[in-house]
Amino acid sequence: MVMAENKYKFLLRTGEWNVLSREQKENLALNAKLEKLTNKNKTNSEEANSKLNKRFEWKKIAPKDGSNTREMNETSYHWCRKHEMWMLLKPKV
């Protein structure tokens, strides 16, 4: 028991006690990089979703004049009461 205590004190004094090994340091660095990349991807996807939502905001505006068909960019859109938005397919009655 004395030998173990002496070794512990020696390692503590020299700064070698509880030090990460090369593999542990490498693993820690890789985990940090991975976390940074996943956070970056989340923000990029959130930005893309907000741009897409802004682009199609008009689809959620109900027709005021009661018409159920709308022509836009040479495409016919139909108002769907169930989804409350403009759709490409005619809604089933």
Protein backbone atom coordinates (compact mmCIF):
# COMPACT_ATOMS: atom_id res chain seq x y z
CA MET A 1 0.00 0.00 0.00
CA VAL A 2 2.89 2.33 0.74
CA MET A 3 4.32 1.80 -2.75
CA ALA A 4 1.00 2.75 -4.35
CA GLU A 5 0.76 5.88 -2.23
CA ASN A 6 4.33 6.86 -3.10
CA LYS A 7 3.65 6.36 -6.80
CA TYR A 8 0.49 8.45 -6.53
CA LYS A 9 2.36 11.28 -4.80
CA PHE A 10 5.17 11.12 -7.38
CA LEU A 11 2.73 11.27 -10.31
CA LEU A 12 0.82 14.09 -8.65
CA ARG A 13 4.04 16.07 -8.08
CA THR A 14 5.23 15.61 -11.68
CA GLY A 15 1.82 16.52 -13.13
CA GLU A 16 1.26 13.11 -14.70
CA TRP A 17 -1.68 12.06 -12.52
CA ASN A 18 -5.11 12.12 -14.18
CA VAL A 19 -3.72 13.39 -17.50
CA LEU A 20 -5.56 12.46 -20.70
CA SER A 21 -3.81 10.03 -23.00
CA ARG A 22 -3.15 10.88 -26.64
CA GLU A 23 -6.17 8.79 -27.73
CA GLN A 24 -8.43 10.49 -25.20
CA LYS A 25 -7.32 13.94 -26.36
CA GLU A 26 -7.92 12.95 -29.98
CA ASN A 27 -11.37 11.62 -29.12
CA LEU A 28 -12.23 14.80 -27.25
CA ALA A 29 -11.15 16.97 -30.20
CA LEU A 30 -13.15 14.88 -32.67
CA ASN A 31 -16.25 15.07 -30.47
CA ALA A 32 -15.91 18.86 -30.28
CA LYS A 33 -15.60 19.10 -34.09
CA LEU A 34 -18.62 16.86 -34.57
CA GLU A 35 -20.72 18.91 -32.17
CA LYS A 36 -19.69 22.13 -33.92
CA LEU A 37 -20.64 20.72 -37.33
CA THR A 38 -24.02 19.44 -36.18
CA ASN A 39 -24.85 22.83 -34.66
CA LYS A 40 -23.84 24.52 -37.91
CA ASN A 41 -26.05 22.16 -39.93
CA LYS A 42 -29.00 22.86 -37.64
CA THR A 43 -28.72 26.60 -38.19
CA ASN A 44 -28.38 26.12 -41.96
CA SER A 45 -31.48 23.95 -42.11
CA GLU A 46 -33.43 26.43 -39.97
CA GLU A 47 -32.47 29.24 -42.35
CA ALA A 48 -33.52 27.16 -45.35
CA ASN A 49 -36.86 26.34 -43.72
CA SER A 50 -37.57 29.99 -42.95
CA LYS A 51 -36.78 30.97 -46.55
CA LEU A 52 -39.07 28.22 -47.83
CA ASN A 53 -41.85 29.28 -45.47
CA LYS A 54 -41.60 32.89 -46.64
CA ARG A 55 -41.70 31.76 -50.26
CA PHE A 56 -44.98 29.88 -49.80
CA GLU A 57 -46.76 32.15 -47.32
CA TRP A 58 -49.30 33.07 -50.00
CA LYS A 59 -50.61 29.49 -49.97
CA LYS A 60 -52.07 29.99 -46.51
CA ILE A 61 -54.08 33.10 -47.39
CA ALA A 62 -57.73 32.17 -47.94
CA PRO A 63 -59.60 33.48 -50.98
CA LYS A 64 -61.63 36.58 -50.15
CA ASP A 65 -63.93 36.60 -53.14
CA GLY A 66 -65.08 33.00 -52.68
CA SER A 67 -63.34 31.63 -55.76
CA ASN A 68 -61.82 28.20 -55.27
CA THR A 69 -59.40 28.32 -58.20
CA ARG A 70 -56.40 30.54 -58.72
CA GLU A 71 -54.01 30.80 -61.68
CA MET A 72 -50.40 31.49 -60.80
CA ASN A 73 -47.30 30.99 -62.97
CA GLU A 74 -49.35 29.05 -65.53
CA THR A 75 -50.47 26.61 -62.83
CA SER A 76 -53.95 26.15 -61.38
CA TYR A 77 -54.21 26.07 -57.61
CA HIS A 78 -57.34 25.02 -55.74
CA TRP A 79 -58.36 26.06 -52.25
CA CYS A 80 -58.59 23.08 -49.87
CA ARG A 81 -60.91 23.62 -46.90
CA LYS A 82 -59.45 20.66 -45.00
CA HIS A 83 -55.84 21.87 -45.14
CA GLU A 84 -56.80 25.54 -45.36
CA MET A 85 -54.29 26.26 -48.10
CA TRP A 86 -53.89 26.38 -51.87
CA MET A 87 -53.16 22.96 -53.40
CA LEU A 88 -52.31 21.72 -56.90
CA LEU A 89 -54.90 18.93 -56.83
CA LYS A 90 -58.62 19.54 -56.67
CA PRO A 91 -60.00 18.73 -53.23
CA LYS A 92 -62.46 15.86 -52.89
CA VAL A 93 -65.95 17.08 -52.15
